[in-house]
Amino acid sequence: IDYSLENLSLLGVDMIYIVVGKYAEDV
């Protein structure tokens, strides 16, 4: 997931939402 976060950071987004499921607390 760090690779995805890094991409969005480089893209310059202002907010990140992460859609989670079974492992929500772990994420």
PDB file of all heavy atoms in Angstrom:
ATOM      1  N   ILE A   1       0.817  -1.211   0.000  1.00  0.00           N
ATOM      2  CA  ILE A   1       0.000   0.000   0.000  1.00  0.00           C
ATOM      3  C   ILE A   1       0.852   1.263   0.000  1.00  0.00           C
ATOM      4  O   ILE A   1       0.409   2.328  -0.447  1.00  0.00           O
ATOM      5  CB  ILE A   1      -0.992   0.001   1.191  1.00  0.00           C
ATOM      6  CG1 ILE A   1      -2.126   1.004   0.921  1.00  0.00           C
ATOM      7  CG2 ILE A   1      -0.277   0.298   2.505  1.00  0.00           C
ATOM      8  CD1 ILE A   1      -3.271   0.886   1.897  1.00  0.00           C
ATOM      9  N   ASP A   2       2.100   1.157   0.471  1.00  0.00           N
ATOM     10  CA  ASP A   2       2.988   2.325   0.464  1.00  0.00           C
ATOM     11  C   ASP A   2       3.267   2.812  -0.952  1.00  0.00           C
ATOM     12  O   ASP A   2       3.436   4.018  -1.183  1.00  0.00           O
ATOM     13  CB  ASP A   2       4.312   2.003   1.159  1.00  0.00           C
ATOM     14  CG  ASP A   2       4.172   1.859   2.657  1.00  0.00           C
ATOM     15  OD1 ASP A   2       3.237   2.458   3.221  1.00  0.00           O
ATOM     16  OD2 ASP A   2       4.989   1.146   3.269  1.00  0.00           O
ATOM     17  N   TYR A   3       3.331   1.885  -1.891  1.00  0.00           N
ATOM     18  CA  TYR A   3       3.573   2.283  -3.283  1.00  0.00           C
ATOM     19  C   TYR A   3       2.389   3.099  -3.812  1.00  0.00           C
ATOM     20  O   TYR A   3       2.578   4.069  -4.557  1.00  0.00           O
ATOM     21  CB  TYR A   3       3.803   1.045  -4.151  1.00  0.00           C
ATOM     22  CG  TYR A   3       5.097   0.327  -3.830  1.00  0.00           C
ATOM     23  CD1 TYR A   3       5.116  -0.743  -2.939  1.00  0.00           C
ATOM     24  CD2 TYR A   3       6.297   0.724  -4.403  1.00  0.00           C
ATOM     25  CE1 TYR A   3       6.302  -1.396  -2.625  1.00  0.00           C
ATOM     26  CE2 TYR A   3       7.491   0.075  -4.108  1.00  0.00           C
ATOM     27  CZ  TYR A   3       7.485  -0.976  -3.211  1.00  0.00           C
ATOM     28  OH  TYR A   3       8.667  -1.616  -2.897  1.00  0.00           O
ATOM     29  N   SER A   4       1.184   2.730  -3.410  1.00  0.00           N
ATOM     30  CA  SER A   4      -0.002   3.478  -3.824  1.00  0.00           C
ATOM     31  C   SER A   4      -0.037   4.845  -3.154  1.00  0.00           C
ATOM     32  O   SER A   4      -0.351   5.864  -3.797  1.00  0.00           O
ATOM     33  CB  SER A   4      -1.267   2.691  -3.461  1.00  0.00           C
ATOM     34  OG  SER A   4      -1.242   1.406  -4.029  1.00  0.00           O
ATOM     35  N   LEU A   5       0.275   4.881  -1.873  1.00  0.00           N
ATOM     36  CA  LEU A   5       0.302   6.148  -1.148  1.00  0.00           C
ATOM     37  C   LEU A   5       1.339   7.097  -1.741  1.00  0.00           C
ATOM     38  O   LEU A   5       1.092   8.301  -1.888  1.00  0.00           O
ATOM     39  CB  LEU A   5       0.617   5.890   0.332  1.00  0.00           C
ATOM     40  CG  LEU A   5      -0.496   5.235   1.150  1.00  0.00           C
ATOM     41  CD1 LEU A   5       0.073   4.655   2.441  1.00  0.00           C
ATOM     42  CD2 LEU A   5      -1.595   6.247   1.464  1.00  0.00           C
ATOM     43  N   GLU A   6       2.481   6.550  -2.091  1.00  0.00           N
ATOM     44  CA  GLU A   6       3.542   7.371  -2.682  1.00  0.00           C
ATOM     45  C   GLU A   6       3.097   7.966  -4.009  1.00  0.00           C
ATOM     46  O   GLU A   6       3.344   9.148  -4.284  1.00  0.00           O
ATOM     47  CB  GLU A   6       4.791   6.517  -2.884  1.00  0.00           C
ATOM     48  CG  GLU A   6       5.973   7.276  -3.447  1.00  0.00           C
ATOM     49  CD  GLU A   6       7.188   6.390  -3.611  1.00  0.00           C
ATOM     50  OE1 GLU A   6       7.296   5.732  -4.665  1.00  0.00           O
ATOM     51  OE2 GLU A   6       7.998   6.334  -2.673  1.00  0.00           O
ATOM     52  N   ASN A   7       2.435   7.179  -4.843  1.00  0.00           N
ATOM     53  CA  ASN A   7       1.948   7.682  -6.129  1.00  0.00           C
ATOM     54  C   ASN A   7       0.995   8.852  -5.943  1.00  0.00           C
ATOM     55  O   ASN A   7       1.093   9.880  -6.633  1.00  0.00           O
ATOM     56  CB  ASN A   7       1.236   6.569  -6.902  1.00  0.00           C
ATOM     57  CG  ASN A   7       2.190   5.568  -7.505  1.00  0.00           C
ATOM     58  OD1 ASN A   7       3.388   5.791  -7.552  1.00  0.00           O
ATOM     59  ND2 ASN A   7       1.656   4.455  -7.957  1.00  0.00           N
ATOM     60  N   LEU A   8       0.048   8.712  -5.017  1.00  0.00           N
ATOM     61  CA  LEU A   8      -0.927   9.771  -4.795  1.00  0.00           C
ATOM     62  C   LEU A   8      -0.279  11.008  -4.189  1.00  0.00           C
ATOM     63  O   LEU A   8      -0.673  12.143  -4.480  1.00  0.00           O
ATOM     64  CB  LEU A   8      -2.057   9.266  -3.900  1.00  0.00           C
ATOM     65  CG  LEU A   8      -2.963   8.203  -4.516  1.00  0.00           C
ATOM     66  CD1 LEU A   8      -4.020   7.755  -3.522  1.00  0.00           C
ATOM     67  CD2 LEU A   8      -3.625   8.716  -5.793  1.00  0.00           C
ATOM     68  N   SER A   9       0.726  10.792  -3.355  1.00  0.00           N
ATOM     69  CA  SER A   9       1.458  11.924  -2.786  1.00  0.00           C
ATOM     70  C   SER A   9       2.172  12.704  -3.883  1.00  0.00           C
ATOM     71  O   SER A   9       2.121  13.940  -3.927  1.00  0.00           O
ATOM     72  CB  SER A   9       2.469  11.427  -1.743  1.00  0.00           C
ATOM     73  OG  SER A   9       3.267  12.486  -1.253  1.00  0.00           O
ATOM     74  N   LEU A  10       2.830  11.995  -4.790  1.00  0.00           N
ATOM     75  CA  LEU A  10       3.521  12.642  -5.904  1.00  0.00           C
ATOM     76  C   LEU A  10       2.539  13.329  -6.848  1.00  0.00           C
ATOM     77  O   LEU A  10       2.871  14.341  -7.476  1.00  0.00           O
ATOM     78  CB  LEU A  10       4.355  11.618  -6.669  1.00  0.00           C
ATOM     79  CG  LEU A  10       5.570  11.042  -5.941  1.00  0.00           C
ATOM     80  CD1 LEU A  10       6.175   9.879  -6.722  1.00  0.00           C
ATOM     81  CD2 LEU A  10       6.624  12.122  -5.711  1.00  0.00           C
ATOM     82  N   LEU A  11       1.330  12.782  -6.936  1.00  0.00           N
ATOM     83  CA  LEU A  11       0.305  13.380  -7.776  1.00  0.00           C
ATOM     84  C   LEU A  11      -0.187  14.700  -7.198  1.00  0.00           C
ATOM     85  O   LEU A  11      -0.725  15.541  -7.908  1.00  0.00           O
ATOM     86  CB  LEU A  11      -0.859  12.405  -7.938  1.00  0.00           C
ATOM     87  CG  LEU A  11      -1.939  12.741  -8.957  1.00  0.00           C
ATOM     88  CD1 LEU A  11      -1.371  12.745 -10.381  1.00  0.00           C
ATOM     89  CD2 LEU A  11      -3.090  11.747  -8.864  1.00  0.00           C
ATOM     90  N   GLY A  12       0.001  14.866  -5.891  1.00  0.00           N
ATOM     91  CA  GLY A  12      -0.370  16.116  -5.244  1.00  0.00           C
ATOM     92  C   GLY A  12      -1.803  16.178  -4.752  1.00  0.00           C
ATOM     93  O   GLY A  12      -2.411  17.260  -4.750  1.00  0.00           O
ATOM     94  N   VAL A  13      -2.356  15.050  -4.299  1.00  0.00           N
ATOM     95  CA  VAL A  13      -3.723  15.074  -3.779  1.00  0.00           C
ATOM     96  C   VAL A  13      -3.757  15.774  -2.419  1.00  0.00           C
ATOM     97  O   VAL A  13      -2.750  15.848  -1.716  1.00  0.00           O
ATOM     98  CB  VAL A  13      -4.304  13.651  -3.658  1.00  0.00           C
ATOM     99  CG1 VAL A  13      -4.315  12.954  -5.007  1.00  0.00           C
ATOM    100  CG2 VAL A  13      -3.526  12.818  -2.638  1.00  0.00           C
ATOM    101  N   ASP A  14      -4.934  16.286  -2.068  1.00  0.00           N
ATOM    102  CA  ASP A  14      -5.098  17.018  -0.811  1.00  0.00           C
ATOM    103  C   ASP A  14      -5.620  16.131   0.312  1.00  0.00           C
ATOM    104  O   ASP A  14      -5.537  16.494   1.487  1.00  0.00           O
ATOM    105  CB  ASP A  14      -6.063  18.187  -1.007  1.00  0.00           C
ATOM    106  CG  ASP A  14      -5.627  19.117  -2.126  1.00  0.00           C
ATOM    107  OD1 ASP A  14      -4.480  19.592  -2.091  1.00  0.00           O
ATOM    108  OD2 ASP A  14      -6.432  19.336  -3.047  1.00  0.00           O
ATOM    109  N   MET A  15      -6.191  14.988  -0.060  1.00  0.00           N
ATOM    110  CA  MET A  15      -6.816  14.093   0.914  1.00  0.00           C
ATOM    111  C   MET A  15      -6.775  12.689   0.354  1.00  0.00           C
ATOM    112  O   MET A  15      -6.915  12.489  -0.864  1.00  0.00           O
ATOM    113  CB  MET A  15      -8.275  14.524   1.154  1.00  0.00           C
ATOM    114  CG  MET A  15      -9.061  13.646   2.098  1.00  0.00           C
ATOM    115  SD  MET A  15      -8.547  13.932   3.803  1.00  0.00           S
ATOM    116  CE  MET A  15      -9.329  12.545   4.643  1.00  0.00           C
ATOM    117  N   ILE A  16      -6.571  11.697   1.221  1.00  0.00           N
ATOM    118  CA  ILE A  16      -6.567  10.303   0.786  1.00  0.00           C
ATOM    119  C   ILE A  16      -7.602   9.513   1.585  1.00  0.00           C
ATOM    120  O   ILE A  16      -7.606   9.558   2.824  1.00  0.00           O
ATOM    121  CB  ILE A  16      -5.179   9.649   0.965  1.00  0.00           C
ATOM    122  CG1 ILE A  16      -4.141  10.328   0.067  1.00  0.00           C
ATOM    123  CG2 ILE A  16      -5.243   8.148   0.641  1.00  0.00           C
ATOM    124  CD1 ILE A  16      -2.720   9.835   0.290  1.00  0.00           C
ATOM    125  N   TYR A  17      -8.473   8.818   0.870  1.00  0.00           N
ATOM    126  CA  TYR A  17      -9.409   7.888   1.489  1.00  0.00           C
ATOM    127  C   TYR A  17      -8.947   6.477   1.147  1.00  0.00           C
ATOM    128  O   TYR A  17      -8.621   6.189  -0.006  1.00  0.00           O
ATOM    129  CB  TYR A  17     -10.830   8.094   0.966  1.00  0.00           C
ATOM    130  CG  TYR A  17     -11.446   9.408   1.383  1.00  0.00           C
ATOM    131  CD1 TYR A  17     -11.462  10.498   0.510  1.00  0.00           C
ATOM    132  CD2 TYR A  17     -12.010   9.560   2.643  1.00  0.00           C
ATOM    133  CE1 TYR A  17     -12.018  11.707   0.881  1.00  0.00           C
ATOM    134  CE2 TYR A  17     -12.575  10.766   3.032  1.00  0.00           C
ATOM    135  CZ  TYR A  17     -12.576  11.832   2.143  1.00  0.00           C
ATOM    136  OH  TYR A  17     -13.123  13.030   2.522  1.00  0.00           O
ATOM    137  N   ILE A  18      -8.919   5.615   2.136  1.00  0.00           N
ATOM    138  CA  ILE A  18      -8.567   4.220   1.908  1.00  0.00           C
ATOM    139  C   ILE A  18      -9.802   3.369   2.200  1.00  0.00           C
ATOM    140  O   ILE A  18     -10.334   3.392   3.312  1.00  0.00           O
ATOM    141  CB  ILE A  18      -7.396   3.760   2.792  1.00  0.00           C
ATOM    142  CG1 ILE A  18      -6.166   4.645   2.551  1.00  0.00           C
ATOM    143  CG2 ILE A  18      -7.050   2.303   2.502  1.00  0.00           C
ATOM    144  CD1 ILE A  18      -4.957   4.269   3.402  1.00  0.00           C
ATOM    145  N   VAL A  19     -10.267   2.657   1.180  1.00  0.00           N
ATOM    146  CA  VAL A  19     -11.419   1.767   1.345  1.00  0.00           C
ATOM    147  C   VAL A  19     -10.904   0.426   1.844  1.00  0.00           C
ATOM    148  O   VAL A  19     -10.076  -0.220   1.188  1.00  0.00           O
ATOM    149  CB  VAL A  19     -12.190   1.600   0.035  1.00  0.00           C
ATOM    150  CG1 VAL A  19     -13.393   0.683   0.240  1.00  0.00           C
ATOM    151  CG2 VAL A  19     -12.650   2.949  -0.506  1.00  0.00           C
ATOM    152  N   VAL A  20     -11.366   0.021   3.018  1.00  0.00           N
ATOM    153  CA  VAL A  20     -10.868  -1.191   3.666  1.00  0.00           C
ATOM    154  C   VAL A  20     -12.017  -2.156   3.932  1.00  0.00           C
ATOM    155  O   VAL A  20     -13.187  -1.786   3.856  1.00  0.00           O
ATOM    156  CB  VAL A  20     -10.140  -0.852   4.986  1.00  0.00           C
ATOM    157  CG1 VAL A  20      -8.842  -0.110   4.716  1.00  0.00           C
ATOM    158  CG2 VAL A  20     -11.036   0.002   5.898  1.00  0.00           C
ATOM    159  N   GLY A  21     -11.657  -3.382   4.247  1.00  0.00           N
ATOM    160  CA  GLY A  21     -12.666  -4.406   4.494  1.00  0.00           C
ATOM    161  C   GLY A  21     -12.320  -5.247   5.709  1.00  0.00           C
ATOM    162  O   GLY A  21     -12.206  -4.741   6.819  1.00  0.00           O
ATOM    163  N   LYS A  22     -12.102  -6.524   5.485  1.00  0.00           N
ATOM    164  CA  LYS A  22     -11.861  -7.486   6.563  1.00  0.00           C
ATOM    165  C   LYS A  22     -10.701  -7.079   7.461  1.00  0.00           C
ATOM    166  O   LYS A  22     -10.757  -7.256   8.681  1.00  0.00           O
ATOM    167  CB  LYS A  22     -11.590  -8.864   5.957  1.00  0.00           C
ATOM    168  CG  LYS A  22     -11.256  -9.951   6.953  1.00  0.00           C
ATOM    169  CD  LYS A  22     -10.990 -11.265   6.238  1.00  0.00           C
ATOM    170  CE  LYS A  22     -10.611 -12.363   7.233  1.00  0.00           C
ATOM    171  NZ  LYS A  22     -10.344 -13.661   6.553  1.00  0.00           N
ATOM    172  N   TYR A  23      -9.644  -6.530   6.866  1.00  0.00           N
ATOM    173  CA  TYR A  23      -8.443  -6.197   7.639  1.00  0.00           C
ATOM    174  C   TYR A  23      -8.350  -4.694   7.953  1.00  0.00           C
ATOM    175  O   TYR A  23      -7.265  -4.137   8.017  1.00  0.00           O
ATOM    176  CB  TYR A  23      -7.196  -6.631   6.872  1.00  0.00           C
ATOM    177  CG  TYR A  23      -7.132  -8.120   6.614  1.00  0.00           C
ATOM    178  CD1 TYR A  23      -7.492  -8.638   5.377  1.00  0.00           C
ATOM    179  CD2 TYR A  23      -6.716  -8.999   7.612  1.00  0.00           C
ATOM    180  CE1 TYR A  23      -7.427 -10.003   5.134  1.00  0.00           C
ATOM    181  CE2 TYR A  23      -6.652 -10.363   7.376  1.00  0.00           C
ATOM    182  CZ  TYR A  23      -7.011 -10.855   6.133  1.00  0.00           C
ATOM    183  OH  TYR A  23      -6.953 -12.208   5.895  1.00  0.00           O
ATOM    184  N   ALA A  24      -9.501  -4.072   8.139  1.00  0.00           N
ATOM    185  CA  ALA A  24      -9.551  -2.626   8.333  1.00  0.00           C
ATOM    186  C   ALA A  24      -8.624  -2.144   9.445  1.00  0.00           C
ATOM    187  O   ALA A  24      -7.838  -1.205   9.258  1.00  0.00           O
ATOM    188  CB  ALA A  24     -10.990  -2.199   8.621  1.00  0.00           C
ATOM    189  N   GLU A  25      -8.695  -2.771  10.594  1.00  0.00           N
ATOM    190  CA  GLU A  25      -7.902  -2.313  11.735  1.00  0.00           C
ATOM    191  C   GLU A  25      -6.406  -2.450  11.472  1.00  0.00           C
ATOM    192  O   GLU A  25      -5.614  -1.594  11.880  1.00  0.00           O
ATOM    193  CB  GLU A  25      -8.300  -3.074  12.999  1.00  0.00           C
ATOM    194  CG  GLU A  25      -9.719  -2.772  13.476  1.00  0.00           C
ATOM    195  CD  GLU A  25     -10.037  -3.463  14.787  1.00  0.00           C
ATOM    196  OE1 GLU A  25      -9.141  -4.165  15.324  1.00  0.00           O
ATOM    197  OE2 GLU A  25     -11.172  -3.305  15.268  1.00  0.00           O
ATOM    198  N   ASP A  26      -6.011  -3.512  10.787  1.00  0.00           N
ATOM    199  CA  ASP A  26      -4.595  -3.703  10.464  1.00  0.00           C
ATOM    200  C   ASP A  26      -4.092  -2.585   9.556  1.00  0.00           C
ATOM    201  O   ASP A  26      -2.987  -2.058   9.748  1.00  0.00           O
ATOM    202  CB  ASP A  26      -4.387  -5.061   9.777  1.00  0.00           C
ATOM    203  CG  ASP A  26      -4.674  -6.227  10.691  1.00  0.00           C
ATOM    204  OD1 ASP A  26      -4.637  -6.039  11.921  1.00  0.00           O
ATOM    205  OD2 ASP A  26      -4.932  -7.332  10.176  1.00  0.00           O
ATOM    206  N   VAL A  27      -4.890  -2.233   8.557  1.00  0.00           N
ATOM    207  CA  VAL A  27      -4.492  -1.166   7.629  1.00  0.00           C
ATOM    208  C   VAL A  27      -4.428   0.172   8.364  1.00  0.00           C
ATOM    209  O   VAL A  27      -3.486   0.959   8.168  1.00  0.00           O
ATOM    210  CB  VAL A  27      -5.463  -1.080   6.436  1.00  0.00           C
ATOM    211  CG1 VAL A  27      -5.075   0.079   5.522  1.00  0.00           C
ATOM    212  CG2 VAL A  27      -5.464  -2.383   5.653  1.00  0.00           C
TER     213      VAL A  27
END
